[in-house]
C-alpha cells in the first residue's frame, strides 16, 4: 500500500517540481496585481467614467508633494542601509558560531517577531526619548547640556524602521549564508586568502 500511495508523486519529473511549487506564489502575485490594478482604475476614474490624472500630475509637479515623496524615499534608503549594516553581521555570526549561541539568537529574533510591532516601536521611547537611556547617559557624561531630540525627527523614524525590519533582514541573510558550504572559506584561508577576501569574494 505504501508503494501505491507514493507512485503518483514519483511519476512527476524532477525538472517540473520547481515550476509546480511556484504555482501558489504566482497565484498570490496574480491576486495582488488584480487588486493594485483595481485601485489604480478607481483612482483615475473616481465617480465619473472620464479618466482623471490631476492628482498624479500634482504629486509630480507640486513642490510640496514632491518634497514629501523625496523625504520618504530618503528615509527608506537610510532604513535599508541601516538594516543591512546591523543585520548582516548578526546573520553572519549566527551561521558561523556555536549551535547553542545560534539557537539563543534565533529564539530572541523569533520572540521579536511574535511581539507586537507597535509595542516594539513604542519601546524606543525608553531608549531614545528625551528622558531615555541615551539622553540620560549623555547628560550624565556631560557631553550635552540638554536632551537631544531623537524623537519626532528623521533619525527616530529611521531607528524605528531598523528595529522593526531588522529581524526580517537577519533571517533573510541567514538563510542565504546557510546554503554556503563552510569548507569553501576554510579552503580559501588555507590557500592564502585573508578574512576580508573570504568575506567579500567567497
Protein backbone atom coordinates (compact mmCIF):
# COMPACT_ATOMS: atom_id res chain seq x y z
CA UNK A 1 0.00 0.00 0.00
CA UNK A 2 2.90 2.32 0.73
CA UNK A 3 4.29 1.81 -2.76
CA UNK A 4 0.96 2.52 -4.44
CA UNK A 5 0.39 5.66 -2.36
CA UNK A 6 3.77 7.11 -3.38
CA UNK A 7 3.52 6.25 -7.08
CA UNK A 8 1.71 9.45 -8.17
CA UNK A 9 4.48 11.59 -6.65
CA UNK A 10 7.31 9.59 -8.19
CA UNK A 11 5.86 9.98 -11.69
CA UNK A 12 6.40 13.76 -11.64
CA UNK A 13 9.69 14.60 -13.42
CA UNK A 14 12.23 16.27 -11.18
CA UNK A 15 12.66 19.20 -13.57
CA UNK A 16 8.98 20.10 -13.19
CA UNK A 17 8.98 20.22 -9.38
CA UNK A 18 10.23 23.86 -9.12
CA UNK A 19 7.58 25.00 -11.58
CA UNK A 20 4.83 23.19 -9.71
CA UNK A 21 5.94 24.67 -6.41
CA UNK A 22 5.90 28.18 -7.94
CA UNK A 23 2.19 27.92 -8.83
CA UNK A 24 0.95 29.12 -5.37
CA UNK A 25 3.34 32.09 -5.50
CA UNK A 26 2.15 33.02 -8.98
CA UNK A 27 -1.44 32.80 -7.76
CA UNK A 28 -0.74 35.22 -4.90
CA UNK A 29 1.08 37.60 -7.23
CA UNK A 30 -1.84 37.50 -9.64
CA UNK A 31 -4.29 38.40 -6.87
CA UNK A 32 -2.02 41.26 -5.80
CA UNK A 33 -1.75 42.52 -9.38
CA UNK A 34 -5.54 42.48 -9.82
CA UNK A 35 -6.02 44.35 -6.53
CA UNK A 36 -3.45 47.02 -7.46
CA UNK A 37 -4.98 47.39 -10.92
CA UNK A 38 -8.45 47.90 -9.44
CA UNK A 39 -7.10 50.55 -7.05
CA UNK A 40 -5.40 52.36 -9.92
CA UNK A 41 -8.59 52.26 -12.01
CA UNK A 42 -10.60 53.66 -9.10
CA UNK A 43 -8.05 56.43 -8.56
CA UNK A 44 -8.12 57.68 -12.16
CA UNK A 45 -11.84 57.31 -12.80
CA UNK A 46 -13.40 58.19 -9.46
CA UNK A 47 -17.14 58.85 -9.51
CA UNK A 48 -17.21 59.57 -13.25
CA UNK A 49 -16.30 57.49 -16.25
CA UNK A 50 -13.77 60.01 -17.55
CA UNK A 51 -10.13 59.37 -16.77
CA UNK A 52 -8.64 61.97 -14.47
CA UNK A 53 -4.93 62.23 -13.75
CA UNK A 54 -4.81 65.59 -11.99
CA UNK A 55 -3.79 64.00 -8.69
CA UNK A 56 -0.82 62.26 -10.29
CA UNK A 57 0.25 65.47 -12.01
CA UNK A 58 0.00 67.27 -8.69
CA UNK A 59 2.18 64.68 -6.98
CA UNK A 60 4.87 65.04 -9.66
CA UNK A 61 4.61 68.77 -10.25
CA UNK A 62 3.74 70.27 -6.86
CA UNK A 63 6.86 71.05 -4.79
CA UNK A 64 5.10 70.10 -1.54
CA UNK A 65 4.14 66.61 -2.65
CA UNK A 66 7.47 66.09 -4.39
CA UNK A 67 9.28 67.05 -1.20
CA UNK A 68 7.24 64.57 0.84
CA UNK A 69 7.97 61.83 -1.68
CA UNK A 70 11.71 62.51 -1.75
CA UNK A 71 11.84 62.69 2.03
CA UNK A 72 10.05 59.35 2.36
CA UNK A 73 12.39 57.83 -0.22
CA UNK A 74 15.43 59.14 1.67
CA UNK A 75 14.17 57.68 4.95
CA UNK A 76 13.51 54.33 3.24
CA UNK A 77 17.07 54.27 1.81
CA UNK A 78 18.59 55.10 5.22
CA UNK A 79 16.48 52.40 6.89
CA UNK A 80 17.50 49.83 4.27
CA UNK A 81 21.20 50.68 4.64
CA UNK A 82 20.92 50.60 8.42
CA UNK A 83 19.17 47.21 8.35
CA UNK A 84 21.97 45.85 6.18
CA UNK A 85 24.70 47.30 8.42
CA UNK A 86 23.18 45.92 11.63
CA UNK A 87 21.56 42.78 10.23
CA UNK A 88 24.32 41.23 8.12
CA UNK A 89 26.91 40.92 10.94
CA UNK A 90 24.31 39.29 13.20
CA UNK A 91 23.34 36.85 10.46
CA UNK A 92 26.99 36.09 9.73
CA UNK A 93 27.70 35.47 13.41
CA UNK A 94 24.64 33.23 13.67
CA UNK A 95 25.79 30.94 10.89
CA UNK A 96 29.41 30.59 11.98
CA UNK A 97 29.10 30.43 15.75
CA UNK A 98 28.31 27.55 18.07
CA UNK A 99 24.93 25.90 17.71
CA UNK A 100 23.90 26.82 21.24
CA UNK A 101 24.54 30.51 20.63
CA UNK A 102 22.80 30.29 17.27
CA UNK A 103 19.68 28.83 18.90
CA UNK A 104 19.73 31.57 21.53
CA UNK A 105 19.94 34.35 18.92
CA UNK A 106 17.28 32.70 16.77
CA UNK A 107 14.97 32.38 19.76
CA UNK A 108 15.41 36.08 20.55
CA UNK A 109 14.63 37.05 16.94
CA UNK A 110 11.53 34.84 16.88
CA UNK A 111 10.34 36.45 20.11
CA UNK A 112 10.77 39.86 18.49
CA UNK A 113 8.72 38.75 15.50
CA UNK A 114 5.94 37.40 17.69
CA UNK A 115 5.82 40.56 19.79
CA UNK A 116 3.57 43.39 18.74
CA UNK A 117 5.12 45.80 16.22
CA UNK A 118 3.62 48.86 17.91
CA UNK A 119 4.96 47.72 21.27
CA UNK A 120 8.45 47.34 19.81
CA UNK A 121 8.36 50.81 18.32
CA UNK A 122 6.98 52.39 21.50
CA UNK A 123 9.78 50.76 23.46
CA UNK A 124 12.14 53.10 21.63
CA UNK A 125 10.79 55.92 23.76
CA UNK A 126 12.59 54.34 26.74
CA UNK A 127 15.83 54.37 24.74
CA UNK A 128 15.90 57.47 22.52
CA UNK A 129 13.24 59.64 24.20
CA UNK A 130 14.02 62.94 25.90
CA UNK A 131 14.23 61.07 29.22
CA UNK A 132 15.51 57.88 27.63
CA UNK A 133 18.61 55.90 28.40
CA UNK A 134 20.76 57.55 25.71
CA UNK A 135 19.92 61.12 26.69
CA UNK A 136 20.41 60.38 30.38
CA UNK A 137 23.81 58.87 29.63
CA UNK A 138 24.82 61.87 27.51
CA UNK A 139 23.71 64.31 30.20
CA UNK A 140 25.48 62.31 32.93
CA UNK A 141 28.72 62.26 30.93
CA UNK A 142 28.43 65.99 30.30
CA UNK A 143 28.55 65.62 26.53
CA UNK A 144 25.34 67.64 26.09
CA UNK A 145 23.59 70.25 28.23
CA UNK A 146 20.05 69.46 27.12
CA UNK A 147 18.37 66.34 25.75
CA UNK A 148 18.97 65.56 22.10
CA UNK A 149 15.69 65.38 20.18
CA UNK A 150 15.90 61.95 18.58
CA UNK A 151 12.14 61.50 18.69
CA UNK A 152 9.81 63.15 16.17
CA UNK A 153 12.65 63.52 13.68
CA UNK A 154 14.01 61.59 10.71
CA UNK A 155 16.59 59.85 12.88
CA UNK A 156 13.91 58.46 15.19
CA UNK A 157 11.87 57.21 12.24
CA UNK A 158 14.92 55.52 10.74
CA UNK A 159 15.81 53.86 14.05
CA UNK A 160 12.23 52.63 14.44
CA UNK A 161 12.19 51.19 10.92
CA UNK A 162 15.52 49.45 11.50
CA UNK A 163 14.27 47.97 14.76
CA UNK A 164 11.02 46.80 13.16
CA UNK A 165 12.52 45.34 9.98
CA UNK A 166 15.88 44.19 11.33
CA UNK A 167 14.69 40.66 12.21
CA UNK A 168 13.48 40.10 8.65
CA UNK A 169 16.87 41.18 7.30
CA UNK A 170 18.70 38.86 9.73
CA UNK A 171 16.59 35.84 8.84
CA UNK A 172 16.82 36.51 5.09
CA UNK A 173 20.61 36.84 5.09
CA UNK A 174 20.99 33.91 7.48
CA UNK A 175 19.02 31.60 5.20
CA UNK A 176 21.30 32.52 2.28
CA UNK A 177 24.51 32.11 4.27
CA UNK A 178 23.29 28.72 5.49
CA UNK A 179 23.41 27.41 1.91
CA UNK A 180 27.10 28.26 1.51
CA UNK A 181 29.46 25.38 2.11
CA UNK A 182 31.66 26.35 5.11
CA UNK A 183 34.53 24.35 3.66
CA UNK A 184 34.87 26.95 0.88
CA UNK A 185 36.02 29.60 3.36
CA UNK A 186 38.40 27.16 5.03
CA UNK A 187 39.88 26.19 1.69
CA UNK A 188 40.32 29.84 0.70
CA UNK A 189 42.07 30.58 4.00
CA UNK A 190 44.43 27.65 3.50
CA UNK A 191 45.26 28.97 0.03
CA UNK A 192 46.27 32.36 1.44
CA UNK A 193 43.09 34.45 1.29
CA UNK A 194 42.57 36.92 4.11
CA UNK A 195 39.42 37.25 6.20
CA UNK A 196 38.10 40.18 4.18
CA UNK A 197 38.78 38.41 0.89
CA UNK A 198 36.93 35.34 2.16
CA UNK A 199 34.02 37.51 3.32
CA UNK A 200 33.61 39.56 0.13
CA UNK A 201 34.69 37.08 -2.58
CA UNK A 202 33.91 33.61 -1.18
